[in-house]
């Protein structure tokens, strides 16, 4: 009897953890990058080019 109870507890916790993981991954895939990139317009990257000099405190 204790072996069956221990197996049942381990199995139910494992199924619960896997279900929670699958739910979070599903939500991230559904509302992740595609939703963010559609609403935010693409902006150019701000990088220093050879004609721009970084201002120093010297």
PDB file of N, CA and C in Angstrom:
ATOM      1  N   UNK A   1       0.821  -1.205   0.000  1.00  0.00           N
ATOM      2  CA  UNK A   1       0.000   0.000   0.000  1.00  0.00           C
ATOM      3  C   UNK A   1       0.868   1.273   0.000  1.00  0.00           C
ATOM      4  N   UNK A   2       1.914   1.382   0.837  1.00  0.00           N
ATOM      5  CA  UNK A   2       2.727   2.610   0.780  1.00  0.00           C
ATOM      6  C   UNK A   2       3.406   2.811  -0.575  1.00  0.00           C
ATOM      7  N   UNK A   3       3.769   1.732  -1.247  1.00  0.00           N
ATOM      8  CA  UNK A   3       4.401   1.849  -2.554  1.00  0.00           C
ATOM      9  C   UNK A   3       3.426   2.424  -3.579  1.00  0.00           C
ATOM     10  N   UNK A   4       2.194   1.974  -3.552  1.00  0.00           N
ATOM     11  CA  UNK A   4       1.184   2.486  -4.478  1.00  0.00           C
ATOM     12  C   UNK A   4       0.898   3.957  -4.193  1.00  0.00           C
ATOM     13  N   UNK A   5       0.816   4.320  -2.922  1.00  0.00           N
ATOM     14  CA  UNK A   5       0.567   5.713  -2.550  1.00  0.00           C
ATOM     15  C   UNK A   5       1.732   6.604  -2.990  1.00  0.00           C
ATOM     16  N   UNK A   6       2.938   6.164  -2.778  1.00  0.00           N
ATOM     17  CA  UNK A   6       4.125   6.933  -3.172  1.00  0.00           C
ATOM     18  C   UNK A   6       4.173   7.094  -4.691  1.00  0.00           C
ATOM     19  N   UNK A   7       3.894   6.026  -5.422  1.00  0.00           N
ATOM     20  CA  UNK A   7       3.880   6.109  -6.882  1.00  0.00           C
ATOM     21  C   UNK A   7       2.808   7.068  -7.367  1.00  0.00           C
ATOM     22  N   UNK A   8       1.635   7.025  -6.746  1.00  0.00           N
ATOM     23  CA  UNK A   8       0.531   7.907  -7.144  1.00  0.00           C
ATOM     24  C   UNK A   8       0.895   9.375  -6.903  1.00  0.00           C
ATOM     25  N   UNK A   9       1.513   9.669  -5.774  1.00  0.00           N
ATOM     26  CA  UNK A   9       1.895  11.046  -5.476  1.00  0.00           C
ATOM     27  C   UNK A   9       2.958  11.534  -6.459  1.00  0.00           C
ATOM     28  N   UNK A  10       3.952  10.724  -6.717  1.00  0.00           N
ATOM     29  CA  UNK A  10       5.014  11.116  -7.650  1.00  0.00           C
ATOM     30  C   UNK A  10       4.450  11.311  -9.055  1.00  0.00           C
ATOM     31  N   UNK A  11       3.580  10.413  -9.477  1.00  0.00           N
ATOM     32  CA  UNK A  11       2.995  10.524 -10.813  1.00  0.00           C
ATOM     33  C   UNK A  11       2.117  11.768 -10.944  1.00  0.00           C
ATOM     34  N   UNK A  12       1.306  12.059  -9.936  1.00  0.00           N
ATOM     35  CA  UNK A  12       0.421  13.220 -10.030  1.00  0.00           C
ATOM     36  C   UNK A  12       1.208  14.527  -9.982  1.00  0.00           C
ATOM     37  N   UNK A  13       2.263  14.600  -9.180  1.00  0.00           N
ATOM     38  CA  UNK A  13       3.094  15.801  -9.157  1.00  0.00           C
ATOM     39  C   UNK A  13       3.806  15.973 -10.495  1.00  0.00           C
ATOM     40  N   UNK A  14       4.293  14.886 -11.069  1.00  0.00           N
ATOM     41  CA  UNK A  14       4.976  14.965 -12.366  1.00  0.00           C
ATOM     42  C   UNK A  14       4.029  15.446 -13.457  1.00  0.00           C
ATOM     43  N   UNK A  15       2.815  14.910 -13.478  1.00  0.00           N
ATOM     44  CA  UNK A  15       1.838  15.334 -14.485  1.00  0.00           C
ATOM     45  C   UNK A  15       1.483  16.802 -14.281  1.00  0.00           C
ATOM     46  N   UNK A  16       1.351  17.247 -13.048  1.00  0.00           N
ATOM     47  CA  UNK A  16       1.043  18.646 -12.771  1.00  0.00           C
ATOM     48  C   UNK A  16       2.150  19.583 -13.222  1.00  0.00           C
ATOM     49  N   UNK A  17       3.394  19.205 -12.972  1.00  0.00           N
ATOM     50  CA  UNK A  17       4.526  20.036 -13.386  1.00  0.00           C
ATOM     51  C   UNK A  17       4.602  20.094 -14.913  1.00  0.00           C
ATOM     52  N   UNK A  18       4.432  18.974 -15.575  1.00  0.00           N
ATOM     53  CA  UNK A  18       4.462  18.970 -17.039  1.00  0.00           C
ATOM     54  C   UNK A  18       3.309  19.776 -17.640  1.00  0.00           C
ATOM     55  N   UNK A  19       2.141  19.703 -17.026  1.00  0.00           N
ATOM     56  CA  UNK A  19       0.999  20.474 -17.519  1.00  0.00           C
ATOM     57  C   UNK A  19       1.240  21.972 -17.347  1.00  0.00           C
ATOM     58  N   UNK A  20       1.806  22.369 -16.213  1.00  0.00           N
ATOM     59  CA  UNK A  20       2.106  23.782 -15.991  1.00  0.00           C
ATOM     60  C   UNK A  20       3.163  24.266 -16.983  1.00  0.00           C
ATOM     61  N   UNK A  21       4.176  23.455 -17.222  1.00  0.00           N
ATOM     62  CA  UNK A  21       5.227  23.811 -18.184  1.00  0.00           C
ATOM     63  C   UNK A  21       4.633  23.978 -19.578  1.00  0.00           C
ATOM     64  N   UNK A  22       3.798  23.038 -19.985  1.00  0.00           N
ATOM     65  CA  UNK A  22       3.179  23.117 -21.315  1.00  0.00           C
ATOM     66  C   UNK A  22       2.272  24.339 -21.427  1.00  0.00           C
ATOM     67  N   UNK A  23       1.575  24.675 -20.366  1.00  0.00           N
ATOM     68  CA  UNK A  23       0.703  25.848 -20.385  1.00  0.00           C
ATOM     69  C   UNK A  23       1.515  27.133 -20.547  1.00  0.00           C
ATOM     70  N   UNK A  24       2.591  27.264 -19.790  1.00  0.00           N
ATOM     71  CA  UNK A  24       3.423  28.467 -19.885  1.00  0.00           C
ATOM     72  C   UNK A  24       4.062  28.579 -21.262  1.00  0.00           C
ATOM     73  N   UNK A  25       4.577  27.479 -21.780  1.00  0.00           N
ATOM     74  CA  UNK A  25       5.176  27.509 -23.113  1.00  0.00           C
ATOM     75  C   UNK A  25       4.126  27.857 -24.171  1.00  0.00           C
ATOM     76  N   UNK A  26       2.931  27.316 -24.039  1.00  0.00           N
ATOM     77  CA  UNK A  26       1.860  27.634 -24.980  1.00  0.00           C
ATOM     78  C   UNK A  26       1.480  29.098 -24.952  1.00  0.00           C
ATOM     79  N   UNK A  27       1.394  29.675 -23.753  1.00  0.00           N
ATOM     80  CA  UNK A  27       1.068  31.103 -23.635  1.00  0.00           C
ATOM     81  C   UNK A  27       2.181  31.954 -24.232  1.00  0.00           C
ATOM     82  N   UNK A  28       3.425  31.586 -23.973  1.00  0.00           N
ATOM     83  CA  UNK A  28       4.536  32.356 -24.533  1.00  0.00           C
ATOM     84  C   UNK A  28       4.563  32.287 -26.054  1.00  0.00           C
ATOM     85  N   UNK A  29       4.259  31.139 -26.614  1.00  0.00           N
ATOM     86  CA  UNK A  29       4.232  31.019 -28.073  1.00  0.00           C
ATOM     87  C   UNK A  29       3.048  31.769 -28.663  1.00  0.00           C
ATOM     88  N   UNK A  30       1.930  31.775 -27.961  1.00  0.00           N
ATOM     89  CA  UNK A  30       0.740  32.436 -28.491  1.00  0.00           C
ATOM     90  C   UNK A  30       0.869  33.959 -28.452  1.00  0.00           C
ATOM     91  N   UNK A  31       1.399  34.493 -27.353  1.00  0.00           N
ATOM     92  CA  UNK A  31       1.428  35.936 -27.184  1.00  0.00           C
ATOM     93  C   UNK A  31       2.839  36.500 -27.142  1.00  0.00           C
ATOM     94  N   UNK A  32       3.812  35.745 -27.593  1.00  0.00           N
ATOM     95  CA  UNK A  32       5.203  36.155 -27.475  1.00  0.00           C
ATOM     96  C   UNK A  32       5.643  37.135 -28.521  1.00  0.00           C
ATOM     97  N   UNK A  33       6.607  36.788 -29.324  1.00  0.00           N
ATOM     98  CA  UNK A  33       7.263  37.692 -30.260  1.00  0.00           C
ATOM     99  C   UNK A  33       6.335  38.248 -31.332  1.00  0.00           C
ATOM    100  N   UNK A  34       5.485  37.445 -31.896  1.00  0.00           N
ATOM    101  CA  UNK A  34       4.665  37.927 -33.009  1.00  0.00           C
ATOM    102  C   UNK A  34       3.749  39.051 -32.582  1.00  0.00           C
ATOM    103  N   UNK A  35       3.160  38.950 -31.411  1.00  0.00           N
ATOM    104  CA  UNK A  35       2.277  40.010 -30.940  1.00  0.00           C
ATOM    105  C   UNK A  35       3.075  41.271 -30.627  1.00  0.00           C
ATOM    106  N   UNK A  36       4.274  41.122 -30.132  1.00  0.00           N
ATOM    107  CA  UNK A  36       5.092  42.274 -29.779  1.00  0.00           C
ATOM    108  C   UNK A  36       5.619  42.983 -31.025  1.00  0.00           C
ATOM    109  N   UNK A  37       6.051  42.255 -32.016  1.00  0.00           N
ATOM    110  CA  UNK A  37       6.622  42.886 -33.204  1.00  0.00           C
ATOM    111  C   UNK A  37       5.554  43.517 -34.087  1.00  0.00           C
ATOM    112  N   UNK A  38       4.317  43.052 -34.014  1.00  0.00           N
ATOM    113  CA  UNK A  38       3.266  43.646 -34.828  1.00  0.00           C
ATOM    114  C   UNK A  38       2.853  45.011 -34.285  1.00  0.00           C
ATOM    115  N   UNK A  39       2.873  45.195 -32.976  1.00  0.00           N
ATOM    116  CA  UNK A  39       2.397  46.442 -32.397  1.00  0.00           C
ATOM    117  C   UNK A  39       3.496  47.490 -32.310  1.00  0.00           C
ATOM    118  N   UNK A  40       4.742  47.088 -32.252  1.00  0.00           N
ATOM    119  CA  UNK A  40       5.855  48.024 -32.123  1.00  0.00           C
ATOM    120  C   UNK A  40       6.536  48.158 -33.476  1.00  0.00           C
ATOM    121  N   UNK A  41       6.593  49.373 -34.029  1.00  0.00           N
ATOM    122  CA  UNK A  41       7.270  49.529 -35.320  1.00  0.00           C
ATOM    123  C   UNK A  41       8.771  49.310 -35.167  1.00  0.00           C
ATOM    124  N   UNK A  42       9.380  48.866 -36.246  1.00  0.00           N
ATOM    125  CA  UNK A  42      10.812  48.602 -36.236  1.00  0.00           C
ATOM    126  C   UNK A  42      11.566  49.931 -36.201  1.00  0.00           C
ATOM    127  N   UNK A  43      12.473  50.049 -35.255  1.00  0.00           N
ATOM    128  CA  UNK A  43      13.317  51.236 -35.162  1.00  0.00           C
ATOM    129  C   UNK A  43      14.736  50.857 -35.554  1.00  0.00           C
ATOM    130  N   UNK A  44      15.460  51.784 -36.173  1.00  0.00           N
ATOM    131  CA  UNK A  44      16.855  51.463 -36.519  1.00  0.00           C
ATOM    132  C   UNK A  44      17.685  51.299 -35.247  1.00  0.00           C
ATOM    133  N   UNK A  45      18.674  50.443 -35.332  1.00  0.00           N
ATOM    134  CA  UNK A  45      19.554  50.240 -34.193  1.00  0.00           C
ATOM    135  C   UNK A  45      20.459  51.448 -34.013  1.00  0.00           C
ATOM    136  N   UNK A  46      20.633  51.826 -32.771  1.00  0.00           N
ATOM    137  CA  UNK A  46      21.486  52.963 -32.473  1.00  0.00           C
ATOM    138  C   UNK A  46      22.902  52.456 -32.219  1.00  0.00           C
ATOM    139  N   UNK A  47      23.741  52.615 -33.204  1.00  0.00           N
ATOM    140  CA  UNK A  47      25.128  52.164 -33.099  1.00  0.00           C
ATOM    141  C   UNK A  47      26.034  53.324 -33.496  1.00  0.00           C
ATOM    142  N   UNK A  48      27.251  53.286 -32.997  1.00  0.00           N
ATOM    143  CA  UNK A  48      28.224  54.308 -33.376  1.00  0.00           C
ATOM    144  C   UNK A  48      28.861  53.921 -34.701  1.00  0.00           C
ATOM    145  N   UNK A  49      28.812  54.827 -35.635  1.00  0.00           N
ATOM    146  CA  UNK A  49      29.462  54.608 -36.925  1.00  0.00           C
ATOM    147  C   UNK A  49      30.769  55.389 -36.930  1.00  0.00           C
ATOM    148  N   UNK A  50      31.675  55.121 -37.878  1.00  0.00           N
ATOM    149  CA  UNK A  50      32.992  55.787 -37.852  1.00  0.00           C
ATOM    150  C   UNK A  50      32.927  57.306 -37.854  1.00  0.00           C
ATOM    151  N   UNK A  51      31.840  57.898 -38.350  1.00  0.00           N
ATOM    152  CA  UNK A  51      31.769  59.364 -38.375  1.00  0.00           C
ATOM    153  C   UNK A  51      31.289  59.936 -37.045  1.00  0.00           C
ATOM    154  N   UNK A  52      30.792  59.107 -36.149  1.00  0.00           N
ATOM    155  CA  UNK A  52      30.345  59.570 -34.843  1.00  0.00           C
ATOM    156  C   UNK A  52      31.402  59.222 -33.802  1.00  0.00           C
ATOM    157  N   UNK A  53      31.717  60.164 -32.972  1.00  0.00           N
ATOM    158  CA  UNK A  53      32.692  59.930 -31.920  1.00  0.00           C
ATOM    159  C   UNK A  53      31.994  59.937 -30.569  1.00  0.00           C
ATOM    160  N   UNK A  54      32.409  59.057 -29.714  1.00  0.00           N
ATOM    161  CA  UNK A  54      31.851  59.004 -28.378  1.00  0.00           C
ATOM    162  C   UNK A  54      32.414  60.148 -27.549  1.00  0.00           C
ATOM    163  N   UNK A  55      31.561  60.932 -26.939  1.00  0.00           N
ATOM    164  CA  UNK A  55      32.016  62.055 -26.134  1.00  0.00           C
ATOM    165  C   UNK A  55      32.591  61.528 -24.816  1.00  0.00           C
ATOM    166  N   UNK A  56      33.771  61.946 -24.493  1.00  0.00           N
ATOM    167  CA  UNK A  56      34.381  61.518 -23.246  1.00  0.00           C
ATOM    168  C   UNK A  56      34.447  62.678 -22.267  1.00  0.00           C
ATOM    169  N   UNK A  57      34.730  62.380 -21.039  1.00  0.00           N
ATOM    170  CA  UNK A  57      34.790  63.407 -20.009  1.00  0.00           C
ATOM    171  C   UNK A  57      36.155  64.036 -19.852  1.00  0.00           C
ATOM    172  N   UNK A  58      37.090  63.706 -20.742  1.00  0.00           N
ATOM    173  CA  UNK A  58      38.444  64.261 -20.605  1.00  0.00           C
ATOM    174  C   UNK A  58      38.500  65.674 -21.126  1.00  0.00           C
TER     175      UNK A  58
END
